[in-house]
């Protein structure tokens, strides 16, 4: 299969998938190496395909519904023990968490796609961290980090800010 047709097939597979697809799963289905898939995903992103790389695999991100969606970056700070509660607070308030961002003093801005939209997504993310030797990205910055959030209406952000301030997670910076 040639590159252009393979990339079209990747977009089709991601569009049809109910769950994220791993690079290994895409590679196996398309009979290429995982590295070829990584390169194809990079090219697709360059062509403005909104493909997110989550901890569960790749997704073709399309904002829900036909209406306008709103995005906002927030600054938070908390301990590892508070992480699950912080994430629950955000998704329970009606937002989708698109990423986590830290400002590292040497490497600059580091951004990782998360795409958490429910308690189940949060639970799976927390479980994956617990089962690995990896530290949360916020450990690089003493707990301070940012999230890009998306919601279907602006009022969601005020609710999130209020709840995170009450819990002491909001970082005024």
Protein backbone atom coordinates (compact mmCIF):
# COMPACT_ATOMS: atom_id res chain seq x y z
CA UNK A 1 0.00 0.00 0.00
CA UNK A 2 1.43 3.38 -0.99
CA UNK A 3 1.84 6.20 1.51
CA UNK A 4 -1.09 8.38 0.42
CA UNK A 5 -3.58 5.52 0.39
CA UNK A 6 -2.21 4.21 3.71
CA UNK A 7 -2.67 7.63 5.32
CA UNK A 8 -6.22 7.82 3.95
CA UNK A 9 -6.87 4.39 5.49
CA UNK A 10 -5.43 5.58 8.85
CA UNK A 11 -7.83 8.55 8.87
CA UNK A 12 -10.72 6.24 7.95
CA UNK A 13 -9.81 3.76 10.70
CA UNK A 14 -9.46 6.49 13.32
CA UNK A 15 -12.73 8.08 12.23
CA UNK A 16 -14.58 4.75 12.51
CA UNK A 17 -12.98 3.69 15.81
CA UNK A 18 -15.02 3.87 18.99
CA UNK A 19 -11.82 3.83 21.09
CA UNK A 20 -8.27 5.09 20.55
CA UNK A 21 -6.12 2.92 18.27
CA UNK A 22 -2.53 2.19 19.23
CA UNK A 23 0.32 2.62 16.78
CA UNK A 24 1.00 -1.10 17.06
CA UNK A 25 -2.61 -1.98 16.18
CA UNK A 26 -2.57 0.35 13.16
CA UNK A 27 0.78 -1.06 12.05
CA UNK A 28 -0.45 -4.64 12.29
CA UNK A 29 -3.63 -3.91 10.32
CA UNK A 30 -1.75 -2.03 7.62
CA UNK A 31 1.20 -4.45 7.57
CA UNK A 32 3.86 -1.81 8.22
CA UNK A 33 6.13 -0.98 11.16
CA UNK A 34 4.99 1.14 14.07
CA UNK A 35 7.61 3.72 13.03
CA UNK A 36 5.91 4.08 9.64
CA UNK A 37 2.64 4.78 11.46
CA UNK A 38 4.35 7.42 13.65
CA UNK A 39 5.69 9.11 10.49
CA UNK A 40 2.28 8.91 8.79
CA UNK A 41 0.59 10.47 11.81
CA UNK A 42 3.13 13.33 11.75
CA UNK A 43 2.40 13.93 8.06
CA UNK A 44 -1.36 13.82 8.65
CA UNK A 45 -0.99 16.39 11.43
CA UNK A 46 1.01 18.58 9.05
CA UNK A 47 -1.96 18.38 6.65
CA UNK A 48 -4.22 19.72 9.45
CA UNK A 49 -5.71 16.42 10.56
CA UNK A 50 -6.50 16.81 14.23
CA UNK A 51 -5.02 13.54 15.48
CA UNK A 52 -4.33 13.33 19.19
CA UNK A 53 -1.86 10.93 20.69
CA UNK A 54 -3.32 9.83 24.02
CA UNK A 55 -2.07 7.36 26.60
CA UNK A 56 -4.46 4.80 25.04
CA UNK A 57 -3.60 5.42 21.40
CA UNK A 58 -4.44 7.75 18.54
CA UNK A 59 -7.80 9.43 18.03
CA UNK A 60 -9.11 11.65 15.29
CA UNK A 61 -10.49 14.50 17.31
CA UNK A 62 -13.65 16.16 16.15
CA UNK A 63 -15.37 18.53 18.58
CA UNK A 64 -18.78 17.22 19.63
CA UNK A 65 -21.98 18.51 18.12
CA UNK A 66 -22.41 21.05 15.41
CA UNK A 67 -22.36 24.05 17.72
CA UNK A 68 -19.49 26.19 18.80
CA UNK A 69 -17.05 24.83 21.37
CA UNK A 70 -14.99 26.92 23.75
CA UNK A 71 -11.42 26.38 24.90
CA UNK A 72 -9.57 27.72 27.89
CA UNK A 73 -6.18 27.07 29.46
CA UNK A 74 -6.13 26.83 33.23
CA UNK A 75 -3.25 26.80 35.70
CA UNK A 76 -3.38 24.33 38.59
CA UNK A 77 -1.14 22.92 41.29
CA UNK A 78 -1.71 19.88 43.48
CA UNK A 79 -0.12 16.76 44.93
CA UNK A 80 -0.11 13.29 43.39
CA UNK A 81 -2.75 12.24 45.92
CA UNK A 82 -5.03 15.07 44.75
CA UNK A 83 -4.63 14.38 41.02
CA UNK A 84 -7.64 12.08 40.65
CA UNK A 85 -9.90 14.53 42.48
CA UNK A 86 -8.65 17.42 40.30
CA UNK A 87 -9.38 15.46 37.12
CA UNK A 88 -12.81 14.33 38.39
CA UNK A 89 -13.65 17.93 39.27
CA UNK A 90 -12.94 19.03 35.71
CA UNK A 91 -14.77 16.25 33.83
CA UNK A 92 -17.69 16.27 36.30
CA UNK A 93 -18.09 20.00 35.62
CA UNK A 94 -18.69 19.34 31.93
CA UNK A 95 -15.29 19.95 30.32
CA UNK A 96 -13.06 17.76 28.22
CA UNK A 97 -9.39 17.88 29.20
CA UNK A 98 -7.35 18.00 26.03
CA UNK A 99 -3.81 18.08 27.41
CA UNK A 100 -1.37 18.75 30.21
CA UNK A 101 1.37 21.36 29.79
CA UNK A 102 4.39 22.18 31.94
CA UNK A 103 6.90 24.99 31.56
CA UNK A 104 10.26 23.33 32.16
CA UNK A 105 13.22 25.57 32.99
CA UNK A 106 15.52 23.74 30.55
CA UNK A 107 13.27 22.20 27.89
CA UNK A 108 10.65 24.92 27.69
CA UNK A 109 7.02 24.03 27.15
CA UNK A 110 6.19 20.32 27.23
CA UNK A 111 2.68 19.37 26.10
CA UNK A 112 1.10 15.92 26.20
CA UNK A 113 -2.35 15.11 24.78
CA UNK A 114 -4.66 13.49 27.34
CA UNK A 115 -8.23 13.83 26.07
CA UNK A 116 -10.03 12.90 29.26
CA UNK A 117 -13.79 13.33 29.06
CA UNK A 118 -15.23 11.08 31.77
CA UNK A 119 -14.52 9.47 35.12
CA UNK A 120 -13.75 6.23 33.29
CA UNK A 121 -11.07 8.01 31.23
CA UNK A 122 -9.65 9.49 34.44
CA UNK A 123 -9.66 6.10 36.19
CA UNK A 124 -7.84 4.45 33.28
CA UNK A 125 -5.26 7.26 33.19
CA UNK A 126 -4.64 7.10 36.96
CA UNK A 127 -4.37 3.30 36.80
CA UNK A 128 -1.84 3.49 33.99
CA UNK A 129 0.33 5.88 36.01
CA UNK A 130 0.05 3.65 39.09
CA UNK A 131 1.15 0.57 37.13
CA UNK A 132 4.17 2.27 35.58
CA UNK A 133 7.43 3.62 36.93
CA UNK A 134 6.65 6.97 35.29
CA UNK A 135 5.95 10.11 37.25
CA UNK A 136 3.18 12.55 36.31
CA UNK A 137 4.47 15.38 34.14
CA UNK A 138 3.70 17.87 36.92
CA UNK A 139 6.51 16.30 38.97
CA UNK A 140 8.94 18.27 36.80
CA UNK A 141 7.52 21.56 38.09
CA UNK A 142 6.66 20.89 41.76
CA UNK A 143 3.04 20.19 40.88
CA UNK A 144 2.37 23.33 38.81
CA UNK A 145 0.94 22.71 35.35
CA UNK A 146 -1.66 23.81 32.83
CA UNK A 147 -4.55 22.07 31.12
CA UNK A 148 -6.32 23.03 27.93
CA UNK A 149 -10.02 22.46 28.48
CA UNK A 150 -12.88 22.38 26.02
CA UNK A 151 -16.57 22.79 26.75
CA UNK A 152 -19.82 23.34 24.90
CA UNK A 153 -20.55 26.61 26.73
CA UNK A 154 -18.52 29.28 28.51
CA UNK A 155 -20.26 28.84 31.86
CA UNK A 156 -18.47 25.54 32.42
CA UNK A 157 -15.16 27.36 32.94
CA UNK A 158 -16.50 29.57 35.74
CA UNK A 159 -17.86 26.47 37.50
CA UNK A 160 -14.49 24.72 37.17
CA UNK A 161 -12.57 27.75 38.44
CA UNK A 162 -14.85 28.05 41.46
CA UNK A 163 -14.59 24.35 42.34
CA UNK A 164 -10.81 24.19 41.86
CA UNK A 165 -10.33 27.34 43.98
CA UNK A 166 -12.48 25.83 46.74
CA UNK A 167 -10.31 22.72 46.73
CA UNK A 168 -7.07 24.70 46.63
CA UNK A 169 -5.95 23.40 43.21
CA UNK A 170 -6.30 26.67 41.30
CA UNK A 171 -2.90 28.24 40.67
CA UNK A 172 -3.14 32.03 40.48
CA UNK A 173 0.50 32.06 39.34
